[in-house]
Amino acid sequence: MKVRYLLSFGLLFILFLWWKPLDAYACSCVMAPPPEEALDQADAVFTGEVVEIIENGKLIRGYGKTIHFKVNEVWKGIEGSEAVVTTGLHDGDCGLPFEKGKKYLVYASMSDMYVANTLSTTICHRTTELAYATEDINVLGEGQEVSSPHEEAETEDEENLPIWPFALFILGLVAIFIGYRYKK
């Protein structure tokens, strides 16, 4: 009986040793910079149509939403005809309310804010629906049109999932098995 309690305590200890709360970020921008400055600050600037919106799972895939775009025009940082950008859920977390089928001018920066090491955009960027981006388009000039529609999108592969939740699950199963073996 003591062995079972010891194994349970050990498993909980290991779980709390590796457990890390999700990072929290606060929105703290007064207004977006002018288009020229926003272009310099961003890692990617492009226009594109939203083709898919995926809400990220909090434990494994990060936080917020992942937005898949069919890219039309590029000023900076995107190669190919598809782009993937993360943003918040639009619930006070700096996220933008993207809608499938609408076209946007997107300013994005590499960030860990929603999903580790991805392009992200927030209300602090100048990202807006293309219909409201006339000032930006006039300042930016013509971008480079995308010509190859069949290139692969930059998406996070299943291989890039963190291994520790799965390892802890397996370790828990092993601990339960050992506990039952010693109980007999």
Protein backbone atom coordinates (compact mmCIF):
# COMPACT_ATOMS: atom_id res chain seq x y z
CA MET A 1 0.00 0.00 0.00
CA LYS A 2 2.86 2.39 0.85
CA VAL A 3 4.47 1.70 -2.52
CA ARG A 4 1.30 2.76 -4.31
CA TYR A 5 1.17 6.04 -2.40
CA LEU A 6 4.86 6.61 -3.02
CA LEU A 7 4.41 6.02 -6.76
CA SER A 8 1.40 8.34 -6.88
CA PHE A 9 3.31 11.04 -5.00
CA GLY A 10 6.32 10.55 -7.27
CA LEU A 11 4.18 10.88 -10.37
CA LEU A 12 2.56 14.07 -9.07
CA PHE A 13 5.99 15.45 -8.17
CA ILE A 14 7.27 14.80 -11.70
CA LEU A 15 4.13 16.33 -13.20
CA PHE A 16 4.51 19.54 -11.16
CA LEU A 17 8.24 19.62 -11.87
CA TRP A 18 7.62 19.84 -15.64
CA TRP A 19 4.35 21.73 -15.57
CA LYS A 20 4.65 25.31 -16.72
CA PRO A 21 1.72 27.72 -16.76
CA LEU A 22 0.89 29.37 -20.07
CA ASP A 23 2.55 32.72 -20.62
CA ALA A 24 0.28 35.72 -20.37
CA TYR A 25 0.69 38.85 -22.41
CA ALA A 26 -0.99 42.19 -22.10
CA CYS A 27 -1.88 44.53 -24.91
CA SER A 28 -0.07 47.78 -24.45
CA CYS A 29 -0.13 49.82 -27.62
CA VAL A 30 -1.66 53.23 -28.01
CA MET A 31 -1.77 53.34 -31.80
CA ALA A 32 -0.05 51.61 -34.67
CA PRO A 33 2.95 53.36 -36.26
CA PRO A 34 2.70 54.99 -39.71
CA PRO A 35 2.89 52.61 -42.71
CA GLU A 36 6.60 53.23 -43.45
CA GLU A 37 7.61 52.52 -39.85
CA ALA A 38 5.25 49.53 -39.64
CA LEU A 39 6.86 48.07 -42.78
CA ASP A 40 10.33 48.43 -41.24
CA GLN A 41 9.24 46.88 -37.93
CA ALA A 42 7.36 43.91 -39.42
CA ASP A 43 8.96 40.65 -40.49
CA ALA A 44 6.25 40.10 -43.11
CA VAL A 45 3.84 42.39 -44.97
CA PHE A 46 1.39 41.04 -47.53
CA THR A 47 -2.18 41.09 -48.78
CA GLY A 48 -4.16 37.90 -48.81
CA GLU A 49 -7.52 36.21 -48.48
CA VAL A 50 -8.33 34.18 -45.37
CA VAL A 51 -8.90 30.57 -46.42
CA GLU A 52 -8.94 28.89 -43.00
CA ILE A 53 -9.11 29.84 -39.33
CA ILE A 54 -8.09 27.28 -36.71
CA GLU A 55 -8.48 27.83 -32.98
CA ASN A 56 -5.33 26.57 -31.28
CA GLY A 57 -5.47 24.08 -28.41
CA LYS A 58 -3.95 25.72 -25.35
CA LEU A 59 -1.71 22.91 -24.09
CA ILE A 60 -0.16 21.54 -27.25
CA ARG A 61 -0.56 24.04 -30.07
CA GLY A 62 -0.35 27.33 -28.21
CA TYR A 63 -3.00 29.98 -27.73
CA GLY A 64 -5.21 32.03 -30.02
CA LYS A 65 -6.01 31.32 -33.65
CA THR A 66 -3.96 30.28 -36.66
CA ILE A 67 -5.00 32.05 -39.85
CA HIS A 68 -4.17 30.58 -43.28
CA PHE A 69 -3.97 33.06 -46.16
CA LYS A 70 -3.89 32.77 -49.92
CA VAL A 71 -1.30 35.48 -50.61
CA ASN A 72 -1.91 38.01 -53.40
CA GLU A 73 0.82 40.62 -53.02
CA VAL A 74 4.02 40.74 -50.91
CA TRP A 75 6.13 43.64 -49.67
CA LYS A 76 8.26 41.72 -47.22
CA GLY A 77 8.98 38.31 -45.70
CA ILE A 78 6.66 35.88 -47.51
CA GLU A 79 7.76 33.41 -50.15
CA GLY A 80 5.07 31.49 -51.94
CA SER A 81 1.35 31.78 -52.39
CA GLU A 82 0.31 30.84 -48.85
CA ALA A 83 1.06 32.29 -45.44
CA VAL A 84 0.23 31.30 -41.88
CA VAL A 85 -0.17 33.92 -39.15
CA THR A 86 -1.30 33.61 -35.53
CA THR A 87 -3.41 36.07 -33.57
CA GLY A 88 -5.42 36.13 -30.36
CA LEU A 89 -9.02 35.14 -29.90
CA HIS A 90 -10.16 38.79 -29.97
CA ASP A 91 -11.18 38.62 -26.30
CA GLY A 92 -8.90 41.28 -24.81
CA ASP A 93 -5.76 39.40 -25.88
CA CYS A 94 -4.74 41.73 -28.73
CA GLY A 95 -6.25 39.40 -31.32
CA LEU A 96 -7.84 40.48 -34.57
CA PRO A 97 -11.29 39.33 -35.75
CA PHE A 98 -10.36 37.74 -39.08
CA GLU A 99 -13.18 36.36 -41.24
CA LYS A 100 -12.90 33.56 -43.77
CA GLY A 101 -13.20 34.79 -47.37
CA LYS A 102 -12.19 38.40 -46.62
CA LYS A 103 -9.00 40.02 -47.87
CA TYR A 104 -6.56 41.76 -45.53
CA LEU A 105 -3.36 43.77 -45.54
CA VAL A 106 -1.28 41.94 -42.93
CA TYR A 107 1.72 43.23 -40.98
CA ALA A 108 3.21 40.38 -38.93
CA SER A 109 6.24 39.83 -36.71
CA MET A 110 7.99 36.67 -35.49
CA SER A 111 6.73 36.06 -31.98
CA ASP A 112 6.05 33.51 -29.25
CA MET A 113 2.93 35.36 -28.12
CA TYR A 114 0.38 32.80 -29.34
CA VAL A 115 2.38 29.92 -30.80
CA ALA A 116 6.14 29.57 -30.41
CA ASN A 117 8.26 31.03 -33.22
CA THR A 118 5.48 32.00 -35.63
CA LEU A 119 4.42 35.09 -37.50
CA SER A 120 1.86 36.90 -35.35
CA THR A 121 -0.28 39.96 -35.80
CA THR A 122 -2.18 41.95 -33.19
CA ILE A 123 -4.21 45.12 -32.81
CA CYS A 124 -0.84 46.86 -32.30
CA HIS A 125 0.07 46.18 -35.95
CA ARG A 126 -1.51 48.00 -38.89
CA THR A 127 -3.22 44.82 -40.08
CA THR A 128 -6.63 45.67 -41.49
CA GLU A 129 -9.23 44.56 -43.96
CA LEU A 130 -8.00 45.41 -47.46
CA ALA A 131 -11.01 47.64 -48.11
CA TYR A 132 -9.76 49.96 -45.31
CA ALA A 133 -6.05 49.88 -46.25
CA THR A 134 -6.03 52.61 -48.92
CA GLU A 135 -3.58 54.85 -47.03
CA ASP A 136 -1.17 51.97 -46.45
CA ILE A 137 -1.34 50.73 -50.05
CA ASN A 138 -0.68 54.27 -51.34
CA VAL A 139 2.39 54.59 -49.08
CA LEU A 140 3.70 51.06 -49.65
CA GLY A 141 3.28 51.21 -53.41
CA GLU A 142 2.93 48.07 -55.48
CA GLY A 143 4.02 44.86 -53.86
CA GLN A 144 5.39 41.81 -55.59
CA GLU A 145 2.58 39.69 -57.00
CA VAL A 146 2.64 36.02 -56.17
CA SER A 147 2.85 33.81 -59.23
CA SER A 148 3.18 30.20 -58.00
CA PRO A 149 -0.15 29.07 -56.54
CA HIS A 150 0.94 25.50 -55.69
CA GLU A 151 3.73 26.09 -53.17
CA GLU A 152 3.38 24.55 -49.72
CA ALA A 153 2.10 26.70 -46.84
CA GLU A 154 4.35 27.26 -43.84
CA THR A 155 2.44 25.26 -41.24
CA GLU A 156 3.52 23.75 -37.97
CA ASP A 157 4.03 20.01 -38.53
CA GLU A 158 2.71 17.37 -36.15
CA GLU A 159 6.39 16.45 -35.63
CA ASN A 160 7.00 19.76 -33.86
CA LEU A 161 4.64 18.95 -30.98
CA PRO A 162 6.31 19.03 -27.57
CA ILE A 163 7.08 15.52 -26.34
CA TRP A 164 6.77 16.09 -22.58
CA PRO A 165 2.93 15.76 -22.29
CA PHE A 166 3.09 12.40 -24.03
CA ALA A 167 6.07 11.27 -21.95
CA LEU A 168 4.22 12.18 -18.74
CA PHE A 169 1.18 10.23 -19.88
CA ILE A 170 3.29 7.13 -20.58
CA LEU A 171 5.12 7.58 -17.27
CA GLY A 172 1.76 7.76 -15.48
CA LEU A 173 0.60 4.54 -17.12
CA VAL A 174 3.84 2.82 -16.11
CA ALA A 175 3.45 4.08 -12.52
CA ILE A 176 -0.12 2.75 -12.34
CA PHE A 177 0.98 -0.60 -13.74
CA ILE A 178 3.84 -0.87 -11.22
CA GLY A 179 1.48 0.14 -8.41
CA TYR A 180 -0.93 -2.66 -9.26
CA ARG A 181 1.89 -5.18 -9.59
CA TYR A 182 3.18 -4.34 -6.08
CA LYS A 183 -0.36 -4.38 -4.65
CA LYS A 184 -0.65 -8.12 -5.31
